[in-house]
Amino acid sequence: MYYVYILYSRTRNRYYVGYTHDIATRLSKHNAGATPSTRSGRPWELVYSESYTEKGAAMAREREIKNKKCRIYIEQLIAKG
């Protein structure tokens, strides 16, 4: 199983979109500072996720969300989620 996830940083008031096969481990890595692009936003909290059986589908959905480049779209996903 693969997941598209959205994290939120209260520190930076920002969202981060990614995909993984293990959300708990990935969130731990983000919060440990192992990912340079999210290091400054710690702590991150998981606010949304979607599951997919195929890696390609999860990657495509992550790209779709990121290509929207719209905070409103992300916040609508979270509200519906």
PDB file of N, CA and C in Angstrom:
ATOM      1  N   MET A   1       0.843  -1.174   0.000  1.00  0.00           N
ATOM      2  CA  MET A   1       0.000   0.000   0.000  1.00  0.00           C
ATOM      3  C   MET A   1       0.895   1.247   0.000  1.00  0.00           C
ATOM      4  N   TYR A   2       0.468   2.246  -0.746  1.00  0.00           N
ATOM      5  CA  TYR A   2       1.177   3.527  -0.817  1.00  0.00           C
ATOM      6  C   TYR A   2       0.225   4.639  -0.394  1.00  0.00           C
ATOM      7  N   TYR A   3       0.800   5.699   0.110  1.00  0.00           N
ATOM      8  CA  TYR A   3      -0.004   6.789   0.647  1.00  0.00           C
ATOM      9  C   TYR A   3       0.487   8.136   0.137  1.00  0.00           C
ATOM     10  N   VAL A   4      -0.467   9.011  -0.138  1.00  0.00           N
ATOM     11  CA  VAL A   4      -0.184  10.423  -0.364  1.00  0.00           C
ATOM     12  C   VAL A   4      -0.567  11.083   0.951  1.00  0.00           C
ATOM     13  N   TYR A   5       0.298  11.948   1.443  1.00  0.00           N
ATOM     14  CA  TYR A   5       0.036  12.550   2.738  1.00  0.00           C
ATOM     15  C   TYR A   5       0.286  14.053   2.694  1.00  0.00           C
ATOM     16  N   ILE A   6      -0.390  14.726   3.596  1.00  0.00           N
ATOM     17  CA  ILE A   6      -0.182  16.163   3.764  1.00  0.00           C
ATOM     18  C   ILE A   6       0.168  16.397   5.227  1.00  0.00           C
ATOM     19  N   LEU A   7       1.269  17.086   5.429  1.00  0.00           N
ATOM     20  CA  LEU A   7       1.716  17.460   6.756  1.00  0.00           C
ATOM     21  C   LEU A   7       1.499  18.952   6.944  1.00  0.00           C
ATOM     22  N   TYR A   8       1.335  19.352   8.193  1.00  0.00           N
ATOM     23  CA  TYR A   8       1.194  20.772   8.506  1.00  0.00           C
ATOM     24  C   TYR A   8       2.195  21.158   9.581  1.00  0.00           C
ATOM     25  N   SER A   9       2.828  22.308   9.390  1.00  0.00           N
ATOM     26  CA  SER A   9       3.761  22.869  10.361  1.00  0.00           C
ATOM     27  C   SER A   9       3.146  24.120  10.973  1.00  0.00           C
ATOM     28  N   ARG A  10       2.882  24.078  12.262  1.00  0.00           N
ATOM     29  CA  ARG A  10       2.393  25.273  12.954  1.00  0.00           C
ATOM     30  C   ARG A  10       3.517  26.316  13.036  1.00  0.00           C
ATOM     31  N   THR A  11       4.745  25.835  13.119  1.00  0.00           N
ATOM     32  CA  THR A  11       5.907  26.715  13.214  1.00  0.00           C
ATOM     33  C   THR A  11       6.001  27.653  12.018  1.00  0.00           C
ATOM     34  N   ARG A  12       5.796  27.091  10.826  1.00  0.00           N
ATOM     35  CA  ARG A  12       5.925  27.881   9.604  1.00  0.00           C
ATOM     36  C   ARG A  12       4.591  28.172   8.942  1.00  0.00           C
ATOM     37  N   ASN A  13       3.488  27.633   9.477  1.00  0.00           N
ATOM     38  CA  ASN A  13       2.165  27.785   8.872  1.00  0.00           C
ATOM     39  C   ASN A  13       2.203  27.350   7.408  1.00  0.00           C
ATOM     40  N   ARG A  14       2.754  26.157   7.192  1.00  0.00           N
ATOM     41  CA  ARG A  14       2.922  25.618   5.843  1.00  0.00           C
ATOM     42  C   ARG A  14       2.473  24.167   5.784  1.00  0.00           C
ATOM     43  N   TYR A  15       2.130  23.772   4.549  1.00  0.00           N
ATOM     44  CA  TYR A  15       1.789  22.380   4.273  1.00  0.00           C
ATOM     45  C   TYR A  15       2.910  21.747   3.467  1.00  0.00           C
ATOM     46  N   TYR A  16       3.036  20.428   3.603  1.00  0.00           N
ATOM     47  CA  TYR A  16       3.995  19.658   2.815  1.00  0.00           C
ATOM     48  C   TYR A  16       3.254  18.444   2.276  1.00  0.00           C
ATOM     49  N   VAL A  17       3.395  18.174   0.987  1.00  0.00           N
ATOM     50  CA  VAL A  17       2.732  17.045   0.336  1.00  0.00           C
ATOM     51  C   VAL A  17       3.795  16.045  -0.086  1.00  0.00           C
ATOM     52  N   GLY A  18       3.542  14.762   0.188  1.00  0.00           N
ATOM     53  CA  GLY A  18       4.485  13.727  -0.209  1.00  0.00           C
ATOM     54  C   GLY A  18       3.775  12.402  -0.399  1.00  0.00           C
ATOM     55  N   TYR A  19       4.550  11.367  -0.751  1.00  0.00           N
ATOM     56  CA  TYR A  19       3.999  10.017  -0.829  1.00  0.00           C
ATOM     57  C   TYR A  19       4.994   9.066  -0.181  1.00  0.00           C
ATOM     58  N   THR A  20       4.488   7.932   0.292  1.00  0.00           N
ATOM     59  CA  THR A  20       5.319   6.957   0.977  1.00  0.00           C
ATOM     60  C   THR A  20       4.600   5.620   1.048  1.00  0.00           C
ATOM     61  N   HIS A  21       5.311   4.603   1.479  1.00  0.00           N
ATOM     62  CA  HIS A  21       4.667   3.315   1.737  1.00  0.00           C
ATOM     63  C   HIS A  21       4.485   3.091   3.240  1.00  0.00           C
ATOM     64  N   ASP A  22       5.027   3.996   4.073  1.00  0.00           N
ATOM     65  CA  ASP A  22       4.921   3.875   5.530  1.00  0.00           C
ATOM     66  C   ASP A  22       4.829   5.273   6.139  1.00  0.00           C
ATOM     67  N   ILE A  23       3.615   5.701   6.410  1.00  0.00           N
ATOM     68  CA  ILE A  23       3.395   7.066   6.884  1.00  0.00           C
ATOM     69  C   ILE A  23       4.069   7.328   8.230  1.00  0.00           C
ATOM     70  N   ALA A  24       3.953   6.406   9.159  1.00  0.00           N
ATOM     71  CA  ALA A  24       4.509   6.627  10.499  1.00  0.00           C
ATOM     72  C   ALA A  24       6.023   6.836  10.450  1.00  0.00           C
ATOM     73  N   THR A  25       6.707   5.993   9.683  1.00  0.00           N
ATOM     74  CA  THR A  25       8.157   6.123   9.563  1.00  0.00           C
ATOM     75  C   THR A  25       8.530   7.414   8.855  1.00  0.00           C
ATOM     76  N   ARG A  26       7.797   7.753   7.824  1.00  0.00           N
ATOM     77  CA  ARG A  26       8.093   8.974   7.069  1.00  0.00           C
ATOM     78  C   ARG A  26       7.874  10.214   7.930  1.00  0.00           C
ATOM     79  N   LEU A  27       6.809  10.243   8.701  1.00  0.00           N
ATOM     80  CA  LEU A  27       6.547  11.366   9.591  1.00  0.00           C
ATOM     81  C   LEU A  27       7.671  11.487  10.632  1.00  0.00           C
ATOM     82  N   SER A  28       8.116  10.366  11.151  1.00  0.00           N
ATOM     83  CA  SER A  28       9.223  10.378  12.115  1.00  0.00           C
ATOM     84  C   SER A  28      10.481  10.970  11.493  1.00  0.00           C
ATOM     85  N   LYS A  29      10.753  10.618  10.233  1.00  0.00           N
ATOM     86  CA  LYS A  29      11.936  11.159   9.551  1.00  0.00           C
ATOM     87  C   LYS A  29      11.814  12.666   9.336  1.00  0.00           C
ATOM     88  N   HIS A  30      10.624  13.117   8.958  1.00  0.00           N
ATOM     89  CA  HIS A  30      10.418  14.563   8.801  1.00  0.00           C
ATOM     90  C   HIS A  30      10.667  15.273  10.132  1.00  0.00           C
ATOM     91  N   ASN A  31      10.136  14.714  11.212  1.00  0.00           N
ATOM     92  CA  ASN A  31      10.265  15.357  12.513  1.00  0.00           C
ATOM     93  C   ASN A  31      11.652  15.203  13.131  1.00  0.00           C
ATOM     94  N   ALA A  32      12.444  14.266  12.627  1.00  0.00           N
ATOM     95  CA  ALA A  32      13.821  14.092  13.102  1.00  0.00           C
ATOM     96  C   ALA A  32      14.785  15.008  12.346  1.00  0.00           C
ATOM     97  N   GLY A  33      14.288  15.669  11.304  1.00  0.00           N
ATOM     98  CA  GLY A  33      15.136  16.567  10.524  1.00  0.00           C
ATOM     99  C   GLY A  33      15.908  15.869   9.428  1.00  0.00           C
ATOM    100  N   ALA A  34      15.513  14.646   9.080  1.00  0.00           N
ATOM    101  CA  ALA A  34      16.220  13.874   8.059  1.00  0.00           C
ATOM    102  C   ALA A  34      15.940  14.378   6.640  1.00  0.00           C
ATOM    103  N   THR A  35      14.914  15.195   6.479  1.00  0.00           N
ATOM    104  CA  THR A  35      14.556  15.727   5.169  1.00  0.00           C
ATOM    105  C   THR A  35      14.858  17.230   5.161  1.00  0.00           C
ATOM    106  N   PRO A  36      15.865  17.657   4.399  1.00  0.00           N
ATOM    107  CA  PRO A  36      16.265  19.067   4.408  1.00  0.00           C
ATOM    108  C   PRO A  36      15.124  20.046   4.119  1.00  0.00           C
ATOM    109  N   SER A  37      14.235  19.689   3.214  1.00  0.00           N
ATOM    110  CA  SER A  37      13.174  20.626   2.833  1.00  0.00           C
ATOM    111  C   SER A  37      12.126  20.840   3.929  1.00  0.00           C
ATOM    112  N   THR A  38      12.063  19.959   4.914  1.00  0.00           N
ATOM    113  CA  THR A  38      11.069  20.106   5.980  1.00  0.00           C
ATOM    114  C   THR A  38      11.709  20.350   7.353  1.00  0.00           C
ATOM    115  N   ARG A  39      13.018  20.382   7.395  1.00  0.00           N
ATOM    116  CA  ARG A  39      13.730  20.518   8.673  1.00  0.00           C
ATOM    117  C   ARG A  39      13.296  21.754   9.462  1.00  0.00           C
ATOM    118  N   SER A  40      13.142  22.873   8.791  1.00  0.00           N
ATOM    119  CA  SER A  40      12.835  24.122   9.500  1.00  0.00           C
ATOM    120  C   SER A  40      11.390  24.205   9.986  1.00  0.00           C
ATOM    121  N   GLY A  41      10.547  23.304   9.554  1.00  0.00           N
ATOM    122  CA  GLY A  41       9.136  23.375   9.938  1.00  0.00           C
ATOM    123  C   GLY A  41       8.752  22.497  11.116  1.00  0.00           C
ATOM    124  N   ARG A  42       9.730  21.818  11.687  1.00  0.00           N
ATOM    125  CA  ARG A  42       9.415  20.890  12.771  1.00  0.00           C
ATOM    126  C   ARG A  42       8.766  21.585  13.956  1.00  0.00           C
ATOM    127  N   PRO A  43       7.829  20.935  14.608  1.00  0.00           N
ATOM    128  CA  PRO A  43       7.295  19.604  14.346  1.00  0.00           C
ATOM    129  C   PRO A  43       6.183  19.626  13.289  1.00  0.00           C
ATOM    130  N   TRP A  44       6.097  18.554  12.543  1.00  0.00           N
ATOM    131  CA  TRP A  44       5.070  18.380  11.524  1.00  0.00           C
ATOM    132  C   TRP A  44       3.987  17.463  12.071  1.00  0.00           C
ATOM    133  N   GLU A  45       2.747  17.707  11.651  1.00  0.00           N
ATOM    134  CA  GLU A  45       1.663  16.813  12.038  1.00  0.00           C
ATOM    135  C   GLU A  45       0.940  16.340  10.780  1.00  0.00           C
ATOM    136  N   LEU A  46       0.542  15.091  10.789  1.00  0.00           N
ATOM    137  CA  LEU A  46      -0.204  14.523   9.677  1.00  0.00           C
ATOM    138  C   LEU A  46      -1.627  15.048   9.732  1.00  0.00           C
ATOM    139  N   VAL A  47      -2.076  15.691   8.644  1.00  0.00           N
ATOM    140  CA  VAL A  47      -3.429  16.250   8.619  1.00  0.00           C
ATOM    141  C   VAL A  47      -4.319  15.611   7.550  1.00  0.00           C
ATOM    142  N   TYR A  48      -3.713  14.807   6.651  1.00  0.00           N
ATOM    143  CA  TYR A  48      -4.499  14.216   5.566  1.00  0.00           C
ATOM    144  C   TYR A  48      -3.720  13.081   4.925  1.00  0.00           C
ATOM    145  N   SER A  49      -4.430  12.049   4.485  1.00  0.00           N
ATOM    146  CA  SER A  49      -3.781  10.979   3.710  1.00  0.00           C
ATOM    147  C   SER A  49      -4.793  10.284   2.808  1.00  0.00           C
ATOM    148  N   GLU A  50      -4.288   9.729   1.729  1.00  0.00           N
ATOM    149  CA  GLU A  50      -5.067   8.910   0.796  1.00  0.00           C
ATOM    150  C   GLU A  50      -4.245   7.654   0.546  1.00  0.00           C
ATOM    151  N   SER A  51      -4.905   6.508   0.349  1.00  0.00           N
ATOM    152  CA  SER A  51      -4.174   5.265   0.107  1.00  0.00           C
ATOM    153  C   SER A  51      -4.369   4.780  -1.325  1.00  0.00           C
ATOM    154  N   TYR A  52      -3.317   4.139  -1.842  1.00  0.00           N
ATOM    155  CA  TYR A  52      -3.293   3.616  -3.211  1.00  0.00           C
ATOM    156  C   TYR A  52      -2.600   2.260  -3.207  1.00  0.00           C
ATOM    157  N   THR A  53      -3.054   1.371  -4.076  1.00  0.00           N
ATOM    158  CA  THR A  53      -2.424   0.058  -4.158  1.00  0.00           C
ATOM    159  C   THR A  53      -1.171   0.081  -5.017  1.00  0.00           C
ATOM    160  N   GLU A  54      -1.069   1.048  -5.913  1.00  0.00           N
ATOM    161  CA  GLU A  54       0.081   1.121  -6.813  1.00  0.00           C
ATOM    162  C   GLU A  54       0.894   2.391  -6.558  1.00  0.00           C
ATOM    163  N   LYS A  55       2.204   2.233  -6.581  1.00  0.00           N
ATOM    164  CA  LYS A  55       3.119   3.348  -6.356  1.00  0.00           C
ATOM    165  C   LYS A  55       2.906   4.456  -7.391  1.00  0.00           C
ATOM    166  N   GLY A  56       2.741   4.074  -8.644  1.00  0.00           N
ATOM    167  CA  GLY A  56       2.551   5.052  -9.717  1.00  0.00           C
ATOM    168  C   GLY A  56       1.326   5.925  -9.503  1.00  0.00           C
ATOM    169  N   ALA A  57       0.262   5.338  -8.989  1.00  0.00           N
ATOM    170  CA  ALA A  57      -0.965   6.099  -8.725  1.00  0.00           C
ATOM    171  C   ALA A  57      -0.729   7.115  -7.605  1.00  0.00           C
ATOM    172  N   ALA A  58       0.003   6.701  -6.568  1.00  0.00           N
ATOM    173  CA  ALA A  58       0.304   7.613  -5.465  1.00  0.00           C
ATOM    174  C   ALA A  58       1.200   8.751  -5.942  1.00  0.00           C
ATOM    175  N   MET A  59       2.183   8.429  -6.764  1.00  0.00           N
ATOM    176  CA  MET A  59       3.082   9.456  -7.288  1.00  0.00           C
ATOM    177  C   MET A  59       2.325  10.455  -8.161  1.00  0.00           C
ATOM    178  N   ALA A  60       1.411   9.941  -8.982  1.00  0.00           N
ATOM    179  CA  ALA A  60       0.627  10.816  -9.856  1.00  0.00           C
ATOM    180  C   ALA A  60      -0.273  11.741  -9.037  1.00  0.00           C
ATOM    181  N   ARG A  61      -0.862  11.214  -7.980  1.00  0.00           N
ATOM    182  CA  ARG A  61      -1.739  12.031  -7.135  1.00  0.00           C
ATOM    183  C   ARG A  61      -0.930  13.103  -6.390  1.00  0.00           C
ATOM    184  N   GLU A  62       0.259  12.739  -5.919  1.00  0.00           N
ATOM    185  CA  GLU A  62       1.119  13.723  -5.265  1.00  0.00           C
ATOM    186  C   GLU A  62       1.438  14.860  -6.229  1.00  0.00           C
ATOM    187  N   ARG A  63       1.807  14.519  -7.460  1.00  0.00           N
ATOM    188  CA  ARG A  63       2.101  15.543  -8.474  1.00  0.00           C
ATOM    189  C   ARG A  63       0.882  16.413  -8.744  1.00  0.00           C
ATOM    190  N   GLU A  64      -0.288  15.777  -8.818  1.00  0.00           N
ATOM    191  CA  GLU A  64      -1.524  16.522  -9.082  1.00  0.00           C
ATOM    192  C   GLU A  64      -1.758  17.575  -7.992  1.00  0.00           C
ATOM    193  N   ILE A  65      -1.616  17.165  -6.740  1.00  0.00           N
ATOM    194  CA  ILE A  65      -1.820  18.110  -5.631  1.00  0.00           C
ATOM    195  C   ILE A  65      -0.774  19.210  -5.668  1.00  0.00           C
ATOM    196  N   LYS A  66       0.486  18.846  -5.874  1.00  0.00           N
ATOM    197  CA  LYS A  66       1.556  19.846  -5.899  1.00  0.00           C
ATOM    198  C   LYS A  66       1.417  20.807  -7.078  1.00  0.00           C
ATOM    199  N   ASN A  67       0.949  20.310  -8.209  1.00  0.00           N
ATOM    200  CA  ASN A  67       0.797  21.164  -9.389  1.00  0.00           C
ATOM    201  C   ASN A  67      -0.319  22.197  -9.239  1.00  0.00           C
ATOM    202  N   LYS A  68      -1.250  21.951  -8.328  1.00  0.00           N
ATOM    203  CA  LYS A  68      -2.316  22.936  -8.082  1.00  0.00           C
ATOM    204  C   LYS A  68      -1.714  24.210  -7.491  1.00  0.00           C
ATOM    205  N   LYS A  69      -0.633  24.052  -6.711  1.00  0.00           N
ATOM    206  CA  LYS A  69       0.045  25.192  -6.077  1.00  0.00           C
ATOM    207  C   LYS A  69      -0.950  26.124  -5.400  1.00  0.00           C
ATOM    208  N   CYS A  70      -1.869  25.511  -4.682  1.00  0.00           N
ATOM    209  CA  CYS A  70      -2.946  26.302  -4.104  1.00  0.00           C
ATOM    210  C   CYS A  70      -3.249  25.833  -2.682  1.00  0.00           C
ATOM    211  N   ARG A  71      -3.008  26.690  -1.728  1.00  0.00           N
ATOM    212  CA  ARG A  71      -3.275  26.390  -0.325  1.00  0.00           C
ATOM    213  C   ARG A  71      -4.763  26.119  -0.102  1.00  0.00           C
ATOM    214  N   ILE A  72      -5.610  26.842  -0.811  1.00  0.00           N
ATOM    215  CA  ILE A  72      -7.057  26.667  -0.667  1.00  0.00           C
ATOM    216  C   ILE A  72      -7.456  25.242  -1.069  1.00  0.00           C
ATOM    217  N   TYR A  73      -6.891  24.739  -2.155  1.00  0.00           N
ATOM    218  CA  TYR A  73      -7.184  23.373  -2.602  1.00  0.00           C
ATOM    219  C   TYR A  73      -6.785  22.370  -1.518  1.00  0.00           C
ATOM    220  N   ILE A  74      -5.603  22.534  -0.957  1.00  0.00           N
ATOM    221  CA  ILE A  74      -5.128  21.634   0.094  1.00  0.00           C
ATOM    222  C   ILE A  74      -6.043  21.705   1.315  1.00  0.00           C
ATOM    223  N   GLU A  75      -6.420  22.894   1.710  1.00  0.00           N
ATOM    224  CA  GLU A  75      -7.287  23.041   2.873  1.00  0.00           C
ATOM    225  C   GLU A  75      -8.685  22.462   2.622  1.00  0.00           C
ATOM    226  N   GLN A  76      -9.160  22.509   1.386  1.00  0.00           N
ATOM    227  CA  GLN A  76     -10.438  21.881   1.050  1.00  0.00           C
ATOM    228  C   GLN A  76     -10.328  20.364   1.141  1.00  0.00           C
ATOM    229  N   LEU A  77      -9.205  19.802   0.670  1.00  0.00           N
ATOM    230  CA  LEU A  77      -8.987  18.356   0.793  1.00  0.00           C
ATOM    231  C   LEU A  77      -9.026  17.935   2.261  1.00  0.00           C
ATOM    232  N   ILE A  78      -8.330  18.675   3.087  1.00  0.00           N
ATOM    233  CA  ILE A  78      -8.260  18.358   4.519  1.00  0.00           C
ATOM    234  C   ILE A  78      -9.647  18.444   5.148  1.00  0.00           C
ATOM    235  N   ALA A  79     -10.402  19.472   4.810  1.00  0.00           N
ATOM    236  CA  ALA A  79     -11.748  19.648   5.374  1.00  0.00           C
ATOM    237  C   ALA A  79     -12.675  18.514   4.982  1.00  0.00           C
ATOM    238  N   LYS A  80     -12.536  18.012   3.745  1.00  0.00           N
ATOM    239  CA  LYS A  80     -13.389  16.904   3.278  1.00  0.00           C
ATOM    240  C   LYS A  80     -12.944  15.573   3.853  1.00  0.00           C
ATOM    241  N   GLY A  81     -11.625  15.474   4.131  1.00  0.00           N
ATOM    242  CA  GLY A  81     -10.961  14.242   4.475  1.00  0.00           C
ATOM    243  C   GLY A  81     -11.429  13.489   5.650  1.00  0.00           C
TER     244      GLY A  81
END
